[in-house]
mmCIF file of all heavy atoms, coordinates in Angstrom:
data_MODEL
# 
_entry.id   MODEL 
# 
loop_
_atom_site.group_PDB 
_atom_site.id 
_atom_site.type_symbol 
_atom_site.label_atom_id 
_atom_site.label_alt_id 
_atom_site.label_comp_id 
_atom_site.label_asym_id 
_atom_site.label_entity_id 
_atom_site.label_seq_id 
_atom_site.pdbx_PDB_ins_code 
_atom_site.Cartn_x 
_atom_site.Cartn_y 
_atom_site.Cartn_z 
_atom_site.occupancy 
_atom_site.B_iso_or_equiv 
_atom_site.pdbx_formal_charge 
_atom_site.auth_seq_id 
_atom_site.auth_comp_id 
_atom_site.auth_asym_id 
_atom_site.auth_atom_id 
_atom_site.pdbx_PDB_model_num 
ATOM 1   N N   . ALA A 1 1  ? 11.996 -2.496 6.609  1.00 0.00 ? 1  ALA A N   1 
ATOM 2   C CA  . ALA A 1 1  ? 11.917 -1.747 5.351  1.00 0.00 ? 1  ALA A CA  1 
ATOM 3   C C   . ALA A 1 1  ? 12.940 -2.208 4.320  1.00 0.00 ? 1  ALA A C   1 
ATOM 4   O O   . ALA A 1 1  ? 12.664 -2.366 3.171  1.00 0.00 ? 1  ALA A O   1 
ATOM 5   C CB  . ALA A 1 1  ? 12.030 -0.250 5.612  1.00 0.00 ? 1  ALA A CB  1 
ATOM 6   N N   . VAL A 1 2  ? 14.178 -2.464 4.808  1.00 0.00 ? 2  VAL A N   1 
ATOM 7   C CA  . VAL A 1 2  ? 15.257 -2.867 3.923  1.00 0.00 ? 2  VAL A CA  1 
ATOM 8   C C   . VAL A 1 2  ? 16.304 -3.616 4.745  1.00 0.00 ? 2  VAL A C   1 
ATOM 9   O O   . VAL A 1 2  ? 16.552 -3.261 5.892  1.00 0.00 ? 2  VAL A O   1 
ATOM 10  C CB  . VAL A 1 2  ? 15.888 -1.647 3.172  1.00 0.00 ? 2  VAL A CB  1 
ATOM 11  C CG1 . VAL A 1 2  ? 16.441 -0.634 4.162  1.00 0.00 ? 2  VAL A CG1 1 
ATOM 12  C CG2 . VAL A 1 2  ? 16.971 -2.117 2.200  1.00 0.00 ? 2  VAL A CG2 1 
ATOM 13  N N   . THR A 1 3  ? 16.874 -4.650 4.133  1.00 0.00 ? 3  THR A N   1 
ATOM 14  C CA  . THR A 1 3  ? 17.995 -5.353 4.763  1.00 0.00 ? 3  THR A CA  1 
ATOM 15  C C   . THR A 1 3  ? 19.219 -5.176 3.879  1.00 0.00 ? 3  THR A C   1 
ATOM 16  O O   . THR A 1 3  ? 19.107 -5.184 2.658  1.00 0.00 ? 3  THR A O   1 
ATOM 17  C CB  . THR A 1 3  ? 17.726 -6.822 4.970  1.00 0.00 ? 3  THR A CB  1 
ATOM 18  O OG1 . THR A 1 3  ? 17.425 -7.458 3.678  1.00 0.00 ? 3  THR A OG1 1 
ATOM 19  C CG2 . THR A 1 3  ? 16.548 -7.058 5.899  1.00 0.00 ? 3  THR A CG2 1 
ATOM 20  N N   . ILE A 1 4  ? 20.377 -4.995 4.516  1.00 0.00 ? 4  ILE A N   1 
ATOM 21  C CA  . ILE A 1 4  ? 21.645 -4.901 3.840  1.00 0.00 ? 4  ILE A CA  1 
ATOM 22  C C   . ILE A 1 4  ? 22.504 -5.988 4.446  1.00 0.00 ? 4  ILE A C   1 
ATOM 23  O O   . ILE A 1 4  ? 23.019 -5.837 5.567  1.00 0.00 ? 4  ILE A O   1 
ATOM 24  C CB  . ILE A 1 4  ? 22.335 -3.526 3.996  1.00 0.00 ? 4  ILE A CB  1 
ATOM 25  C CG1 . ILE A 1 4  ? 21.381 -2.412 3.528  1.00 0.00 ? 4  ILE A CG1 1 
ATOM 26  C CG2 . ILE A 1 4  ? 23.640 -3.492 3.232  1.00 0.00 ? 4  ILE A CG2 1 
ATOM 27  C CD1 . ILE A 1 4  ? 20.653 -1.725 4.629  1.00 0.00 ? 4  ILE A CD1 1 
ATOM 28  N N   . ASP A 1 5  ? 22.602 -7.113 3.739  1.00 0.00 ? 5  ASP A N   1 
ATOM 29  C CA  . ASP A 1 5  ? 23.276 -8.315 4.278  1.00 0.00 ? 5  ASP A CA  1 
ATOM 30  C C   . ASP A 1 5  ? 22.613 -8.692 5.589  1.00 0.00 ? 5  ASP A C   1 
ATOM 31  O O   . ASP A 1 5  ? 21.431 -9.028 5.631  1.00 0.00 ? 5  ASP A O   1 
ATOM 32  C CB  . ASP A 1 5  ? 24.782 -8.064 4.406  1.00 0.00 ? 5  ASP A CB  1 
ATOM 33  C CG  . ASP A 1 5  ? 25.444 -7.817 3.072  1.00 0.00 ? 5  ASP A CG  1 
ATOM 34  O OD1 . ASP A 1 5  ? 24.991 -8.493 2.095  1.00 0.00 ? 5  ASP A OD1 1 
ATOM 35  O OD2 . ASP A 1 5  ? 26.391 -7.054 2.968  1.00 0.00 ? 5  ASP A OD2 1 
ATOM 36  N N   . ASP A 1 6  ? 23.348 -8.619 6.715  1.00 0.00 ? 6  ASP A N   1 
ATOM 37  C CA  . ASP A 1 6  ? 22.795 -9.021 7.989  1.00 0.00 ? 6  ASP A CA  1 
ATOM 38  C C   . ASP A 1 6  ? 22.248 -7.891 8.819  1.00 0.00 ? 6  ASP A C   1 
ATOM 39  O O   . ASP A 1 6  ? 21.888 -8.048 9.979  1.00 0.00 ? 6  ASP A O   1 
ATOM 40  C CB  . ASP A 1 6  ? 23.866 -9.767 8.823  1.00 0.00 ? 6  ASP A CB  1 
ATOM 41  C CG  . ASP A 1 6  ? 25.038 -8.875 9.129  1.00 0.00 ? 6  ASP A CG  1 
ATOM 42  O OD1 . ASP A 1 6  ? 25.187 -7.852 8.438  1.00 0.00 ? 6  ASP A OD1 1 
ATOM 43  O OD2 . ASP A 1 6  ? 25.854 -9.235 9.984  1.00 0.00 ? 6  ASP A OD2 1 
ATOM 44  N N   . ALA A 1 7  ? 22.161 -6.684 8.204  1.00 0.00 ? 7  ALA A N   1 
ATOM 45  C CA  . ALA A 1 7  ? 21.635 -5.510 8.925  1.00 0.00 ? 7  ALA A CA  1 
ATOM 46  C C   . ALA A 1 7  ? 20.214 -5.216 8.437  1.00 0.00 ? 7  ALA A C   1 
ATOM 47  O O   . ALA A 1 7  ? 19.896 -5.421 7.265  1.00 0.00 ? 7  ALA A O   1 
ATOM 48  C CB  . ALA A 1 7  ? 22.521 -4.303 8.693  1.00 0.00 ? 7  ALA A CB  1 
ATOM 49  N N   . ALA A 1 8  ? 19.368 -4.762 9.332  1.00 0.00 ? 8  ALA A N   1 
ATOM 50  C CA  . ALA A 1 8  ? 17.992 -4.471 9.006  1.00 0.00 ? 8  ALA A CA  1 
ATOM 51  C C   . ALA A 1 8  ? 17.637 -3.069 9.434  1.00 0.00 ? 8  ALA A C   1 
ATOM 52  O O   . ALA A 1 8  ? 18.020 -2.610 10.515 1.00 0.00 ? 8  ALA A O   1 
ATOM 53  C CB  . ALA A 1 8  ? 17.061 -5.453 9.645  1.00 0.00 ? 8  ALA A CB  1 
ATOM 54  N N   . ILE A 1 9  ? 16.903 -2.340 8.566  1.00 0.00 ? 9  ILE A N   1 
ATOM 55  C CA  . ILE A 1 9  ? 16.375 -1.015 8.880  1.00 0.00 ? 9  ILE A CA  1 
ATOM 56  C C   . ILE A 1 9  ? 14.877 -1.140 8.992  1.00 0.00 ? 9  ILE A C   1 
ATOM 57  O O   . ILE A 1 9  ? 14.221 -1.584 8.035  1.00 0.00 ? 9  ILE A O   1 
ATOM 58  C CB  . ILE A 1 9  ? 16.774 0.030  7.813  1.00 0.00 ? 9  ILE A CB  1 
ATOM 59  C CG1 . ILE A 1 9  ? 18.276 0.165  7.741  1.00 0.00 ? 9  ILE A CG1 1 
ATOM 60  C CG2 . ILE A 1 9  ? 16.127 1.339  8.097  1.00 0.00 ? 9  ILE A CG2 1 
ATOM 61  C CD1 . ILE A 1 9  ? 18.769 1.016  6.594  1.00 0.00 ? 9  ILE A CD1 1 
ATOM 62  N N   . SER A 1 10 ? 14.323 -0.748 10.109 1.00 0.00 ? 10 SER A N   1 
ATOM 63  C CA  . SER A 1 10 ? 12.888 -0.918 10.357 1.00 0.00 ? 10 SER A CA  1 
ATOM 64  C C   . SER A 1 10 ? 12.071 0.113  9.605  1.00 0.00 ? 10 SER A C   1 
ATOM 65  O O   . SER A 1 10 ? 12.588 1.161  9.179  1.00 0.00 ? 10 SER A O   1 
ATOM 66  C CB  . SER A 1 10 ? 12.599 -0.806 11.847 1.00 0.00 ? 10 SER A CB  1 
ATOM 67  O OG  . SER A 1 10 ? 12.728 0.512  12.284 1.00 0.00 ? 10 SER A OG  1 
ATOM 68  N N   . PHE A 1 11 ? 10.782 -0.228 9.463  1.00 0.00 ? 11 PHE A N   1 
ATOM 69  C CA  . PHE A 1 11 ? 9.852  0.721  8.845  1.00 0.00 ? 11 PHE A CA  1 
ATOM 70  C C   . PHE A 1 11 ? 9.828  2.037  9.675  1.00 0.00 ? 11 PHE A C   1 
ATOM 71  O O   . PHE A 1 11 ? 9.722  3.138  9.120  1.00 0.00 ? 11 PHE A O   1 
ATOM 72  C CB  . PHE A 1 11 ? 8.454  0.132  8.811  1.00 0.00 ? 11 PHE A CB  1 
ATOM 73  C CG  . PHE A 1 11 ? 8.169  -0.621 7.533  1.00 0.00 ? 11 PHE A CG  1 
ATOM 74  C CD1 . PHE A 1 11 ? 8.288  -1.985 7.490  1.00 0.00 ? 11 PHE A CD1 1 
ATOM 75  C CD2 . PHE A 1 11 ? 7.828  0.026  6.358  1.00 0.00 ? 11 PHE A CD2 1 
ATOM 76  C CE1 . PHE A 1 11 ? 8.085  -2.701 6.310  1.00 0.00 ? 11 PHE A CE1 1 
ATOM 77  C CE2 . PHE A 1 11 ? 7.585  -0.653 5.190  1.00 0.00 ? 11 PHE A CE2 1 
ATOM 78  C CZ  . PHE A 1 11 ? 7.690  -2.015 5.183  1.00 0.00 ? 11 PHE A CZ  1 
ATOM 79  N N   . ALA A 1 12 ? 9.885  1.900  11.004 1.00 0.00 ? 12 ALA A N   1 
ATOM 80  C CA  . ALA A 1 12 ? 9.826  3.073  11.856 1.00 0.00 ? 12 ALA A CA  1 
ATOM 81  C C   . ALA A 1 12 ? 10.997 4.003  11.585 1.00 0.00 ? 12 ALA A C   1 
ATOM 82  O O   . ALA A 1 12 ? 10.848 5.224  11.487 1.00 0.00 ? 12 ALA A O   1 
ATOM 83  C CB  . ALA A 1 12 ? 9.816  2.643  13.315 1.00 0.00 ? 12 ALA A CB  1 
ATOM 84  N N   . ASP A 1 13 ? 12.177 3.443  11.426 1.00 0.00 ? 13 ASP A N   1 
ATOM 85  C CA  . ASP A 1 13 ? 13.379 4.260  11.140 1.00 0.00 ? 13 ASP A CA  1 
ATOM 86  C C   . ASP A 1 13 ? 13.314 4.856  9.755  1.00 0.00 ? 13 ASP A C   1 
ATOM 87  O O   . ASP A 1 13 ? 13.708 5.993  9.538  1.00 0.00 ? 13 ASP A O   1 
ATOM 88  C CB  . ASP A 1 13 ? 14.676 3.441  11.309 1.00 0.00 ? 13 ASP A CB  1 
ATOM 89  C CG  . ASP A 1 13 ? 14.947 3.112  12.749 1.00 0.00 ? 13 ASP A CG  1 
ATOM 90  O OD1 . ASP A 1 13 ? 14.717 3.985  13.593 1.00 0.00 ? 13 ASP A OD1 1 
ATOM 91  O OD2 . ASP A 1 13 ? 15.420 1.992  13.043 1.00 0.00 ? 13 ASP A OD2 1 
ATOM 92  N N   . TYR A 1 14 ? 12.817 4.077  8.777  1.00 0.00 ? 14 TYR A N   1 
ATOM 93  C CA  . TYR A 1 14 ? 12.635 4.612  7.425  1.00 0.00 ? 14 TYR A CA  1 
ATOM 94  C C   . TYR A 1 14 ? 11.681 5.788  7.461  1.00 0.00 ? 14 TYR A C   1 
ATOM 95  O O   . TYR A 1 14 ? 11.953 6.849  6.865  1.00 0.00 ? 14 TYR A O   1 
ATOM 96  C CB  . TYR A 1 14 ? 12.115 3.514  6.481  1.00 0.00 ? 14 TYR A CB  1 
ATOM 97  C CG  . TYR A 1 14 ? 11.746 4.055  5.110  1.00 0.00 ? 14 TYR A CG  1 
ATOM 98  C CD1 . TYR A 1 14 ? 12.707 4.180  4.123  1.00 0.00 ? 14 TYR A CD1 1 
ATOM 99  C CD2 . TYR A 1 14 ? 10.448 4.461  4.839  1.00 0.00 ? 14 TYR A CD2 1 
ATOM 100 C CE1 . TYR A 1 14 ? 12.389 4.657  2.871  1.00 0.00 ? 14 TYR A CE1 1 
ATOM 101 C CE2 . TYR A 1 14 ? 10.132 4.971  3.595  1.00 0.00 ? 14 TYR A CE2 1 
ATOM 102 C CZ  . TYR A 1 14 ? 11.075 5.051  2.614  1.00 0.00 ? 14 TYR A CZ  1 
ATOM 103 O OH  . TYR A 1 14 ? 10.740 5.563  1.382  1.00 0.00 ? 14 TYR A OH  1 
ATOM 104 N N   . GLN A 1 15 ? 10.524 5.617  8.187  1.00 0.00 ? 15 GLN A N   1 
ATOM 105 C CA  . GLN A 1 15 ? 9.534  6.695  8.207  1.00 0.00 ? 15 GLN A CA  1 
ATOM 106 C C   . GLN A 1 15 ? 10.063 7.919  8.913  1.00 0.00 ? 15 GLN A C   1 
ATOM 107 O O   . GLN A 1 15 ? 9.802  9.047  8.515  1.00 0.00 ? 15 GLN A O   1 
ATOM 108 C CB  . GLN A 1 15 ? 8.254  6.182  8.896  1.00 0.00 ? 15 GLN A CB  1 
ATOM 109 C CG  . GLN A 1 15 ? 7.092  7.143  8.797  1.00 0.00 ? 15 GLN A CG  1 
ATOM 110 C CD  . GLN A 1 15 ? 6.723  7.453  7.374  1.00 0.00 ? 15 GLN A CD  1 
ATOM 111 O OE1 . GLN A 1 15 ? 6.680  6.565  6.507  1.00 0.00 ? 15 GLN A OE1 1 
ATOM 112 N NE2 . GLN A 1 15 ? 6.522  8.741  7.057  1.00 0.00 ? 15 GLN A NE2 1 
ATOM 113 N N   . THR A 1 16 ? 10.848 7.712  9.975  1.00 0.00 ? 16 THR A N   1 
ATOM 114 C CA  . THR A 1 16 ? 11.452 8.861  10.670 1.00 0.00 ? 16 THR A CA  1 
ATOM 115 C C   . THR A 1 16 ? 12.384 9.628  9.779  1.00 0.00 ? 16 THR A C   1 
ATOM 116 O O   . THR A 1 16 ? 12.370 10.861 9.708  1.00 0.00 ? 16 THR A O   1 
ATOM 117 C CB  . THR A 1 16 ? 12.221 8.372  11.914 1.00 0.00 ? 16 THR A CB  1 
ATOM 118 O OG1 . THR A 1 16 ? 11.279 7.753  12.819 1.00 0.00 ? 16 THR A OG1 1 
ATOM 119 C CG2 . THR A 1 16 ? 12.899 9.540  12.615 1.00 0.00 ? 16 THR A CG2 1 
ATOM 120 N N   . ALA A 1 17 ? 13.225 8.863  9.034  1.00 0.00 ? 17 ALA A N   1 
ATOM 121 C CA  . ALA A 1 17 ? 14.148 9.513  8.114  1.00 0.00 ? 17 ALA A CA  1 
ATOM 122 C C   . ALA A 1 17 ? 13.431 10.251 7.014  1.00 0.00 ? 17 ALA A C   1 
ATOM 123 O O   . ALA A 1 17 ? 13.779 11.372 6.631  1.00 0.00 ? 17 ALA A O   1 
ATOM 124 C CB  . ALA A 1 17 ? 15.107 8.469  7.523  1.00 0.00 ? 17 ALA A CB  1 
ATOM 125 N N   . TYR A 1 18 ? 12.362 9.633  6.473  1.00 0.00 ? 18 TYR A N   1 
ATOM 126 C CA  . TYR A 1 18 ? 11.589 10.279 5.414  1.00 0.00 ? 18 TYR A CA  1 
ATOM 127 C C   . TYR A 1 18 ? 10.913 11.525 5.963  1.00 0.00 ? 18 TYR A C   1 
ATOM 128 O O   . TYR A 1 18 ? 10.924 12.578 5.276  1.00 0.00 ? 18 TYR A O   1 
ATOM 129 C CB  . TYR A 1 18 ? 10.523 9.297  4.890  1.00 0.00 ? 18 TYR A CB  1 
ATOM 130 C CG  . TYR A 1 18 ? 9.560  9.965  3.961  1.00 0.00 ? 18 TYR A CG  1 
ATOM 131 C CD1 . TYR A 1 18 ? 9.927  10.263 2.650  1.00 0.00 ? 18 TYR A CD1 1 
ATOM 132 C CD2 . TYR A 1 18 ? 8.263  10.284 4.350  1.00 0.00 ? 18 TYR A CD2 1 
ATOM 133 C CE1 . TYR A 1 18 ? 9.078  10.892 1.782  1.00 0.00 ? 18 TYR A CE1 1 
ATOM 134 C CE2 . TYR A 1 18 ? 7.371  10.892 3.490  1.00 0.00 ? 18 TYR A CE2 1 
ATOM 135 C CZ  . TYR A 1 18 ? 7.752  11.204 2.232  1.00 0.00 ? 18 TYR A CZ  1 
ATOM 136 O OH  . TYR A 1 18 ? 6.895  11.817 1.377  1.00 0.00 ? 18 TYR A OH  1 
ATOM 137 N N   . SER A 1 19 ? 10.359 11.477 7.159  1.00 0.00 ? 19 SER A N   1 
ATOM 138 C CA  . SER A 1 19 ? 9.693  12.639 7.728  1.00 0.00 ? 19 SER A CA  1 
ATOM 139 C C   . SER A 1 19 ? 10.677 13.794 7.940  1.00 0.00 ? 19 SER A C   1 
ATOM 140 O O   . SER A 1 19 ? 10.375 14.958 7.716  1.00 0.00 ? 19 SER A O   1 
ATOM 141 C CB  . SER A 1 19 ? 9.037  12.289 9.078  1.00 0.00 ? 19 SER A CB  1 
ATOM 142 O OG  . SER A 1 19 ? 8.008  11.304 8.863  1.00 0.00 ? 19 SER A OG  1 
ATOM 143 N N   . ASN A 1 20 ? 11.896 13.438 8.403  1.00 0.00 ? 20 ASN A N   1 
ATOM 144 C CA  . ASN A 1 20 ? 12.952 14.474 8.607  1.00 0.00 ? 20 ASN A CA  1 
ATOM 145 C C   . ASN A 1 20 ? 13.324 15.113 7.279  1.00 0.00 ? 20 ASN A C   1 
ATOM 146 O O   . ASN A 1 20 ? 13.477 16.334 7.183  1.00 0.00 ? 20 ASN A O   1 
ATOM 147 C CB  . ASN A 1 20 ? 14.141 13.863 9.259  1.00 0.00 ? 20 ASN A CB  1 
ATOM 148 C CG  . ASN A 1 20 ? 13.933 13.574 10.742 1.00 0.00 ? 20 ASN A CG  1 
ATOM 149 O OD1 . ASN A 1 20 ? 12.994 14.082 11.351 1.00 0.00 ? 20 ASN A OD1 1 
ATOM 150 N ND2 . ASN A 1 20 ? 14.782 12.768 11.343 1.00 0.00 ? 20 ASN A ND2 1 
ATOM 151 N N   . LEU A 1 21 ? 13.507 14.293 6.251  1.00 0.00 ? 21 LEU A N   1 
ATOM 152 C CA  . LEU A 1 21 ? 13.893 14.804 4.937  1.00 0.00 ? 21 LEU A CA  1 
ATOM 153 C C   . LEU A 1 21 ? 12.718 15.647 4.393  1.00 0.00 ? 21 LEU A C   1 
ATOM 154 O O   . LEU A 1 21 ? 12.971 16.714 3.806  1.00 0.00 ? 21 LEU A O   1 
ATOM 155 C CB  . LEU A 1 21 ? 14.201 13.653 3.993  1.00 0.00 ? 21 LEU A CB  1 
ATOM 156 C CG  . LEU A 1 21 ? 14.881 14.028 2.671  1.00 0.00 ? 21 LEU A CG  1 
ATOM 157 C CD1 . LEU A 1 21 ? 16.237 14.642 2.955  1.00 0.00 ? 21 LEU A CD1 1 
ATOM 158 C CD2 . LEU A 1 21 ? 15.028 12.798 1.763  1.00 0.00 ? 21 LEU A CD2 1 
ATOM 159 N N   . TYR A 1 22 ? 11.515 15.192 4.563  1.00 0.00 ? 22 TYR A N   1 
ATOM 160 C CA  . TYR A 1 22 ? 10.324 15.943 4.100  1.00 0.00 ? 22 TYR A CA  1 
ATOM 161 C C   . TYR A 1 22 ? 10.289 17.345 4.760  1.00 0.00 ? 22 TYR A C   1 
ATOM 162 O O   . TYR A 1 22 ? 10.096 18.334 4.126  1.00 0.00 ? 22 TYR A O   1 
ATOM 163 C CB  . TYR A 1 22 ? 9.079  15.150 4.420  1.00 0.00 ? 22 TYR A CB  1 
ATOM 164 C CG  . TYR A 1 22 ? 7.775  15.772 3.939  1.00 0.00 ? 22 TYR A CG  1 
ATOM 165 C CD1 . TYR A 1 22 ? 7.239  15.304 2.704  1.00 0.00 ? 22 TYR A CD1 1 
ATOM 166 C CD2 . TYR A 1 22 ? 7.132  16.728 4.627  1.00 0.00 ? 22 TYR A CD2 1 
ATOM 167 C CE1 . TYR A 1 22 ? 6.073  15.872 2.253  1.00 0.00 ? 22 TYR A CE1 1 
ATOM 168 C CE2 . TYR A 1 22 ? 5.947  17.295 4.173  1.00 0.00 ? 22 TYR A CE2 1 
ATOM 169 C CZ  . TYR A 1 22 ? 5.399  16.856 3.001  1.00 0.00 ? 22 TYR A CZ  1 
ATOM 170 O OH  . TYR A 1 22 ? 4.260  17.412 2.505  1.00 0.00 ? 22 TYR A OH  1 
ATOM 171 N N   . SER A 1 23 ? 10.519 17.364 6.090  1.00 0.00 ? 23 SER A N   1 
ATOM 172 C CA  . SER A 1 23 ? 10.491 18.610 6.843  1.00 0.00 ? 23 SER A CA  1 
ATOM 173 C C   . SER A 1 23 ? 11.581 19.550 6.385  1.00 0.00 ? 23 SER A C   1 
ATOM 174 O O   . SER A 1 23 ? 11.375 20.758 6.320  1.00 0.00 ? 23 SER A O   1 
ATOM 175 C CB  . SER A 1 23 ? 10.659 18.334 8.345  1.00 0.00 ? 23 SER A CB  1 
ATOM 176 O OG  . SER A 1 23 ? 9.582  17.545 8.824  1.00 0.00 ? 23 SER A OG  1 
ATOM 177 N N   . LEU A 1 24 ? 12.739 18.967 6.069  1.00 0.00 ? 24 LEU A N   1 
ATOM 178 C CA  . LEU A 1 24 ? 13.844 19.784 5.586  1.00 0.00 ? 24 LEU A CA  1 
ATOM 179 C C   . LEU A 1 24 ? 13.488 20.527 4.320  1.00 0.00 ? 24 LEU A C   1 
ATOM 180 O O   . LEU A 1 24 ? 13.656 21.739 4.195  1.00 0.00 ? 24 LEU A O   1 
ATOM 181 C CB  . LEU A 1 24 ? 15.079 18.908 5.390  1.00 0.00 ? 24 LEU A CB  1 
ATOM 182 C CG  . LEU A 1 24 ? 16.331 19.593 4.766  1.00 0.00 ? 24 LEU A CG  1 
ATOM 183 C CD1 . LEU A 1 24 ? 16.815 20.666 5.700  1.00 0.00 ? 24 LEU A CD1 1 
ATOM 184 C CD2 . LEU A 1 24 ? 17.395 18.581 4.488  1.00 0.00 ? 24 LEU A CD2 1 
ATOM 185 N N   . TYR A 1 25 ? 12.970 19.782 3.336  1.00 0.00 ? 25 TYR A N   1 
ATOM 186 C CA  . TYR A 1 25 ? 12.584 20.388 2.065  1.00 0.00 ? 25 TYR A CA  1 
ATOM 187 C C   . TYR A 1 25 ? 11.426 21.311 2.204  1.00 0.00 ? 25 TYR A C   1 
ATOM 188 O O   . TYR A 1 25 ? 11.309 22.343 1.507  1.00 0.00 ? 25 TYR A O   1 
ATOM 189 C CB  . TYR A 1 25 ? 12.322 19.295 1.005  1.00 0.00 ? 25 TYR A CB  1 
ATOM 190 C CG  . TYR A 1 25 ? 13.607 18.775 0.416  1.00 0.00 ? 25 TYR A CG  1 
ATOM 191 C CD1 . TYR A 1 25 ? 14.211 17.632 0.869  1.00 0.00 ? 25 TYR A CD1 1 
ATOM 192 C CD2 . TYR A 1 25 ? 14.249 19.466 -0.629 1.00 0.00 ? 25 TYR A CD2 1 
ATOM 193 C CE1 . TYR A 1 25 ? 15.386 17.135 0.297  1.00 0.00 ? 25 TYR A CE1 1 
ATOM 194 C CE2 . TYR A 1 25 ? 15.430 19.005 -1.189 1.00 0.00 ? 25 TYR A CE2 1 
ATOM 195 C CZ  . TYR A 1 25 ? 15.972 17.822 -0.705 1.00 0.00 ? 25 TYR A CZ  1 
ATOM 196 O OH  . TYR A 1 25 ? 17.125 17.353 -1.259 1.00 0.00 ? 25 TYR A OH  1 
ATOM 197 N N   . GLN A 1 26 ? 10.506 20.983 3.129  1.00 0.00 ? 26 GLN A N   1 
ATOM 198 C CA  . GLN A 1 26 ? 9.377  21.870 3.390  1.00 0.00 ? 26 GLN A CA  1 
ATOM 199 C C   . GLN A 1 26 ? 9.839  23.208 3.932  1.00 0.00 ? 26 GLN A C   1 
ATOM 200 O O   . GLN A 1 26 ? 9.301  24.266 3.543  1.00 0.00 ? 26 GLN A O   1 
ATOM 201 C CB  . GLN A 1 26 ? 8.460  21.184 4.378  1.00 0.00 ? 26 GLN A CB  1 
ATOM 202 C CG  . GLN A 1 26 ? 7.024  21.775 4.410  1.00 0.00 ? 26 GLN A CG  1 
ATOM 203 C CD  . GLN A 1 26 ? 6.103  20.934 5.269  1.00 0.00 ? 26 GLN A CD  1 
ATOM 204 O OE1 . GLN A 1 26 ? 6.486  20.494 6.373  1.00 0.00 ? 26 GLN A OE1 1 
ATOM 205 N NE2 . GLN A 1 26 ? 4.885  20.715 4.850  1.00 0.00 ? 26 GLN A NE2 1 
# 
C-alpha cells in the first residue's frame, strides 16, 4: 500500500487499520 524508504506497509495491514478506524467512528 505504501513504502517509507526501505519499509513497506501491505494492503492487508492498511485495510485492517482502515477497518479498525471505521469501526471506531461507527
